[in-house]
């Protein structure tokens, strides 16, 4: 089992060299996830999202990314948390996590992603990034959070997650 992270494990100040977002659209007790086909995490299951473009806010980028990846538009996005990823290869990724219970359109497969609805109890964590199991279940239940993770490739080395109501 990986050790928990001491915040002294992150350089102070910690500056990301990539800024991105994730969006989790829910309907009742189901969440819309994607089978990611391209980019960081290709082959894994995750929420739709991606990198911010110059001049975009995290929310603007989140909406654009979901539209590009699934041909749906999330509405009434609620910021739920932030993820700090420190990779031993030098990638420092900051990710804003959003949740939405409303959207327009029908989730459609694209060259980037194949959508699939999962019941909260059937989320395939074994096919996702290792960190997801430590924050996603609580976030889906409405808990906001902040989290820090250290990775070597796809292997999680350490973690620290804080929840707030």
C-alpha atoms as a PDB file:
ATOM      1  CA  UNK A   1       0.000   0.000   0.000  1.00  0.00           C
ATOM      2  CA  UNK A   2       1.315   3.437  -0.912  1.00  0.00           C
ATOM      3  CA  UNK A   3       2.212   5.805   1.927  1.00  0.00           C
ATOM      4  CA  UNK A   4       0.219   8.914   2.642  1.00  0.00           C
ATOM      5  CA  UNK A   5       1.796  12.122   1.490  1.00  0.00           C
ATOM      6  CA  UNK A   6       3.254  14.750   3.708  1.00  0.00           C
ATOM      7  CA  UNK A   7       2.645  18.170   2.217  1.00  0.00           C
ATOM      8  CA  UNK A   8       6.363  18.745   2.667  1.00  0.00           C
ATOM      9  CA  UNK A   9       6.743  16.178  -0.149  1.00  0.00           C
ATOM     10  CA  UNK A  10       5.537  18.905  -2.520  1.00  0.00           C
ATOM     11  CA  UNK A  11       7.882  21.795  -3.257  1.00  0.00           C
ATOM     12  CA  UNK A  12       6.798  25.111  -1.751  1.00  0.00           C
ATOM     13  CA  UNK A  13       5.615  26.927  -3.709  1.00  0.00           C
ATOM     14  CA  UNK A  14       4.271  24.188  -5.943  1.00  0.00           C
ATOM     15  CA  UNK A  15       3.714  25.528  -9.465  1.00  0.00           C
ATOM     16  CA  UNK A  16       1.839  23.468 -12.061  1.00  0.00           C
ATOM     17  CA  UNK A  17       3.172  23.228 -15.608  1.00  0.00           C
ATOM     18  CA  UNK A  18      -0.207  21.950 -16.883  1.00  0.00           C
ATOM     19  CA  UNK A  19      -3.698  23.115 -15.895  1.00  0.00           C
ATOM     20  CA  UNK A  20      -6.758  21.018 -16.707  1.00  0.00           C
ATOM     21  CA  UNK A  21     -10.244  20.040 -15.560  1.00  0.00           C
ATOM     22  CA  UNK A  22     -12.511  17.043 -15.140  1.00  0.00           C
ATOM     23  CA  UNK A  23     -16.311  17.000 -15.314  1.00  0.00           C
ATOM     24  CA  UNK A  24     -18.559  14.401 -13.732  1.00  0.00           C
ATOM     25  CA  UNK A  25     -22.127  14.499 -15.058  1.00  0.00           C
ATOM     26  CA  UNK A  26     -24.595  12.596 -12.921  1.00  0.00           C
ATOM     27  CA  UNK A  27     -28.209  11.488 -13.262  1.00  0.00           C
ATOM     28  CA  UNK A  28     -29.587  10.030 -10.091  1.00  0.00           C
ATOM     29  CA  UNK A  29     -27.113   7.413  -8.868  1.00  0.00           C
ATOM     30  CA  UNK A  30     -25.254   7.184 -12.197  1.00  0.00           C
ATOM     31  CA  UNK A  31     -22.191   9.021 -13.480  1.00  0.00           C
ATOM     32  CA  UNK A  32     -21.172   9.560 -17.100  1.00  0.00           C
ATOM     33  CA  UNK A  33     -17.586   8.409 -17.609  1.00  0.00           C
ATOM     34  CA  UNK A  34     -15.472   8.020 -20.720  1.00  0.00           C
ATOM     35  CA  UNK A  35     -13.227   5.368 -22.144  1.00  0.00           C
ATOM     36  CA  UNK A  36     -10.369   7.731 -23.013  1.00  0.00           C
ATOM     37  CA  UNK A  37      -8.880   7.144 -26.457  1.00  0.00           C
ATOM     38  CA  UNK A  38      -6.214   9.882 -26.739  1.00  0.00           C
ATOM     39  CA  UNK A  39      -3.797  11.940 -24.646  1.00  0.00           C
ATOM     40  CA  UNK A  40      -2.766  11.535 -21.011  1.00  0.00           C
ATOM     41  CA  UNK A  41      -4.583   8.509 -19.602  1.00  0.00           C
ATOM     42  CA  UNK A  42      -5.491   6.965 -22.972  1.00  0.00           C
ATOM     43  CA  UNK A  43      -6.941   3.502 -22.352  1.00  0.00           C
ATOM     44  CA  UNK A  44      -8.276   4.432 -18.923  1.00  0.00           C
ATOM     45  CA  UNK A  45     -11.779   5.309 -17.774  1.00  0.00           C
ATOM     46  CA  UNK A  46     -12.211   8.820 -16.419  1.00  0.00           C
ATOM     47  CA  UNK A  47     -14.480  11.829 -16.468  1.00  0.00           C
ATOM     48  CA  UNK A  48     -14.381  14.006 -19.578  1.00  0.00           C
ATOM     49  CA  UNK A  49     -12.140  17.045 -19.443  1.00  0.00           C
ATOM     50  CA  UNK A  50      -8.837  18.409 -20.604  1.00  0.00           C
ATOM     51  CA  UNK A  51      -6.372  21.251 -20.674  1.00  0.00           C
ATOM     52  CA  UNK A  52      -7.273  24.908 -20.477  1.00  0.00           C
ATOM     53  CA  UNK A  53      -6.576  26.997 -23.566  1.00  0.00           C
ATOM     54  CA  UNK A  54      -5.063  30.470 -23.299  1.00  0.00           C
ATOM     55  CA  UNK A  55      -7.541  32.921 -21.776  1.00  0.00           C
ATOM     56  CA  UNK A  56     -10.105  30.326 -20.679  1.00  0.00           C
ATOM     57  CA  UNK A  57     -11.437  29.936 -17.186  1.00  0.00           C
ATOM     58  CA  UNK A  58     -11.575  26.430 -15.737  1.00  0.00           C
ATOM     59  CA  UNK A  59     -15.365  26.397 -16.197  1.00  0.00           C
ATOM     60  CA  UNK A  60     -15.204  27.578 -19.829  1.00  0.00           C
ATOM     61  CA  UNK A  61     -12.607  24.904 -20.602  1.00  0.00           C
ATOM     62  CA  UNK A  62     -14.678  22.240 -18.833  1.00  0.00           C
ATOM     63  CA  UNK A  63     -17.752  23.005 -20.940  1.00  0.00           C
ATOM     64  CA  UNK A  64     -15.700  23.113 -24.163  1.00  0.00           C
ATOM     65  CA  UNK A  65     -13.951  19.823 -23.406  1.00  0.00           C
ATOM     66  CA  UNK A  66     -17.201  17.966 -22.650  1.00  0.00           C
ATOM     67  CA  UNK A  67     -18.728  19.344 -25.865  1.00  0.00           C
ATOM     68  CA  UNK A  68     -15.682  18.199 -27.877  1.00  0.00           C
ATOM     69  CA  UNK A  69     -15.409  14.769 -26.256  1.00  0.00           C
ATOM     70  CA  UNK A  70     -19.090  13.806 -25.910  1.00  0.00           C
ATOM     71  CA  UNK A  71     -21.199  16.297 -27.901  1.00  0.00           C
ATOM     72  CA  UNK A  72     -23.116  17.310 -24.776  1.00  0.00           C
ATOM     73  CA  UNK A  73     -23.152  20.586 -22.851  1.00  0.00           C
ATOM     74  CA  UNK A  74     -23.056  20.376 -19.064  1.00  0.00           C
ATOM     75  CA  UNK A  75     -25.167  22.992 -17.272  1.00  0.00           C
ATOM     76  CA  UNK A  76     -24.946  24.443 -13.785  1.00  0.00           C
ATOM     77  CA  UNK A  77     -21.410  23.218 -13.176  1.00  0.00           C
ATOM     78  CA  UNK A  78     -20.450  23.116  -9.530  1.00  0.00           C
ATOM     79  CA  UNK A  79     -16.773  23.264  -8.601  1.00  0.00           C
ATOM     80  CA  UNK A  80     -16.147  20.350  -6.238  1.00  0.00           C
ATOM     81  CA  UNK A  81     -12.423  20.235  -5.730  1.00  0.00           C
ATOM     82  CA  UNK A  82      -8.920  20.402  -6.985  1.00  0.00           C
ATOM     83  CA  UNK A  83      -6.284  17.820  -7.688  1.00  0.00           C
ATOM     84  CA  UNK A  84      -2.533  18.386  -7.548  1.00  0.00           C
ATOM     85  CA  UNK A  85      -0.477  15.758  -9.368  1.00  0.00           C
ATOM     86  CA  UNK A  86       3.296  15.691  -9.067  1.00  0.00           C
ATOM     87  CA  UNK A  87       4.907  13.180 -11.442  1.00  0.00           C
ATOM     88  CA  UNK A  88       8.520  12.121 -10.971  1.00  0.00           C
ATOM     89  CA  UNK A  89       9.151  12.881 -14.665  1.00  0.00           C
ATOM     90  CA  UNK A  90       8.508  16.593 -13.977  1.00  0.00           C
ATOM     91  CA  UNK A  91       4.840  16.936 -14.927  1.00  0.00           C
ATOM     92  CA  UNK A  92       2.999  19.049 -12.358  1.00  0.00           C
ATOM     93  CA  UNK A  93      -0.710  18.943 -13.161  1.00  0.00           C
ATOM     94  CA  UNK A  94      -3.367  21.055 -11.455  1.00  0.00           C
ATOM     95  CA  UNK A  95      -6.927  19.921 -12.164  1.00  0.00           C
ATOM     96  CA  UNK A  96     -10.230  21.545 -11.196  1.00  0.00           C
ATOM     97  CA  UNK A  97     -13.043  19.020 -10.708  1.00  0.00           C
ATOM     98  CA  UNK A  98     -16.636  19.916 -11.574  1.00  0.00           C
ATOM     99  CA  UNK A  99     -19.929  18.115 -11.084  1.00  0.00           C
ATOM    100  CA  UNK A 100     -23.121  18.697 -13.054  1.00  0.00           C
ATOM    101  CA  UNK A 101     -26.552  17.133 -12.724  1.00  0.00           C
ATOM    102  CA  UNK A 102     -27.895  18.746 -15.902  1.00  0.00           C
ATOM    103  CA  UNK A 103     -26.803  18.622 -19.522  1.00  0.00           C
ATOM    104  CA  UNK A 104     -28.075  19.133 -23.041  1.00  0.00           C
ATOM    105  CA  UNK A 105     -27.569  16.599 -25.835  1.00  0.00           C
ATOM    106  CA  UNK A 106     -27.009  12.862 -26.121  1.00  0.00           C
ATOM    107  CA  UNK A 107     -23.593  11.495 -25.093  1.00  0.00           C
ATOM    108  CA  UNK A 108     -21.932  10.444 -28.349  1.00  0.00           C
ATOM    109  CA  UNK A 109     -18.702   8.572 -29.037  1.00  0.00           C
ATOM    110  CA  UNK A 110     -15.985  10.707 -30.652  1.00  0.00           C
ATOM    111  CA  UNK A 111     -12.400  10.079 -31.742  1.00  0.00           C
ATOM    112  CA  UNK A 112     -11.344  11.112 -28.204  1.00  0.00           C
ATOM    113  CA  UNK A 113     -13.807   9.281 -25.979  1.00  0.00           C
ATOM    114  CA  UNK A 114     -16.481   6.612 -25.712  1.00  0.00           C
ATOM    115  CA  UNK A 115     -19.155   7.528 -23.117  1.00  0.00           C
ATOM    116  CA  UNK A 116     -20.717   5.075 -20.684  1.00  0.00           C
ATOM    117  CA  UNK A 117     -23.044   5.514 -17.695  1.00  0.00           C
ATOM    118  CA  UNK A 118     -22.024   3.717 -14.488  1.00  0.00           C
ATOM    119  CA  UNK A 119     -24.017   3.258 -11.296  1.00  0.00           C
ATOM    120  CA  UNK A 120     -22.111   4.758  -8.355  1.00  0.00           C
ATOM    121  CA  UNK A 121     -21.710   1.232  -6.916  1.00  0.00           C
ATOM    122  CA  UNK A 122     -20.285  -0.161 -10.172  1.00  0.00           C
ATOM    123  CA  UNK A 123     -17.580   2.367 -11.057  1.00  0.00           C
ATOM    124  CA  UNK A 124     -14.612   0.391 -12.482  1.00  0.00           C
ATOM    125  CA  UNK A 125     -11.873   1.881 -10.301  1.00  0.00           C
ATOM    126  CA  UNK A 126      -9.458  -0.849 -11.385  1.00  0.00           C
ATOM    127  CA  UNK A 127      -9.539   0.660 -14.919  1.00  0.00           C
ATOM    128  CA  UNK A 128      -9.062   4.254 -13.735  1.00  0.00           C
ATOM    129  CA  UNK A 129      -6.147   6.285 -12.375  1.00  0.00           C
ATOM    130  CA  UNK A 130      -5.132   4.968  -8.949  1.00  0.00           C
ATOM    131  CA  UNK A 131      -6.074   8.212  -7.169  1.00  0.00           C
ATOM    132  CA  UNK A 132      -9.759   8.195  -8.197  1.00  0.00           C
ATOM    133  CA  UNK A 133     -10.873   5.717  -5.548  1.00  0.00           C
ATOM    134  CA  UNK A 134      -9.682   8.094  -2.814  1.00  0.00           C
ATOM    135  CA  UNK A 135     -11.838  11.106  -3.743  1.00  0.00           C
ATOM    136  CA  UNK A 136     -14.423  10.264  -6.429  1.00  0.00           C
ATOM    137  CA  UNK A 137     -16.948   8.329  -4.270  1.00  0.00           C
ATOM    138  CA  UNK A 138     -17.190  11.156  -1.720  1.00  0.00           C
ATOM    139  CA  UNK A 139     -17.280  13.837  -4.416  1.00  0.00           C
ATOM    140  CA  UNK A 140     -20.193  12.067  -6.110  1.00  0.00           C
ATOM    141  CA  UNK A 141     -22.022  12.226  -2.761  1.00  0.00           C
ATOM    142  CA  UNK A 142     -21.517  16.004  -2.666  1.00  0.00           C
ATOM    143  CA  UNK A 143     -18.330  16.402  -0.618  1.00  0.00           C
ATOM    144  CA  UNK A 144     -15.872  19.050  -1.776  1.00  0.00           C
ATOM    145  CA  UNK A 145     -12.166  18.227  -1.519  1.00  0.00           C
ATOM    146  CA  UNK A 146      -8.522  19.119  -2.102  1.00  0.00           C
ATOM    147  CA  UNK A 147      -6.014  16.396  -2.937  1.00  0.00           C
ATOM    148  CA  UNK A 148      -2.316  15.916  -3.636  1.00  0.00           C
ATOM    149  CA  UNK A 149      -0.816  12.880  -5.344  1.00  0.00           C
ATOM    150  CA  UNK A 150       2.666  11.822  -6.379  1.00  0.00           C
ATOM    151  CA  UNK A 151       3.002   9.427  -9.322  1.00  0.00           C
ATOM    152  CA  UNK A 152       5.761   7.571 -11.130  1.00  0.00           C
ATOM    153  CA  UNK A 153       4.131   6.948 -14.495  1.00  0.00           C
ATOM    154  CA  UNK A 154       0.832   5.248 -13.635  1.00  0.00           C
ATOM    155  CA  UNK A 155       1.966   4.110 -10.178  1.00  0.00           C
ATOM    156  CA  UNK A 156       0.733   6.236  -7.301  1.00  0.00           C
ATOM    157  CA  UNK A 157       3.529   6.745  -4.779  1.00  0.00           C
ATOM    158  CA  UNK A 158       1.718   8.825  -2.165  1.00  0.00           C
ATOM    159  CA  UNK A 159      -1.508  10.696  -1.484  1.00  0.00           C
ATOM    160  CA  UNK A 160      -3.212  13.245   0.761  1.00  0.00           C
ATOM    161  CA  UNK A 161      -6.941  14.029   0.483  1.00  0.00           C
ATOM    162  CA  UNK A 162      -8.955  16.523   2.534  1.00  0.00           C
ATOM    163  CA  UNK A 163     -12.780  16.667   2.421  1.00  0.00           C
ATOM    164  CA  UNK A 164     -15.056  19.506   3.432  1.00  0.00           C
ATOM    165  CA  UNK A 165     -18.871  19.638   3.466  1.00  0.00           C
END
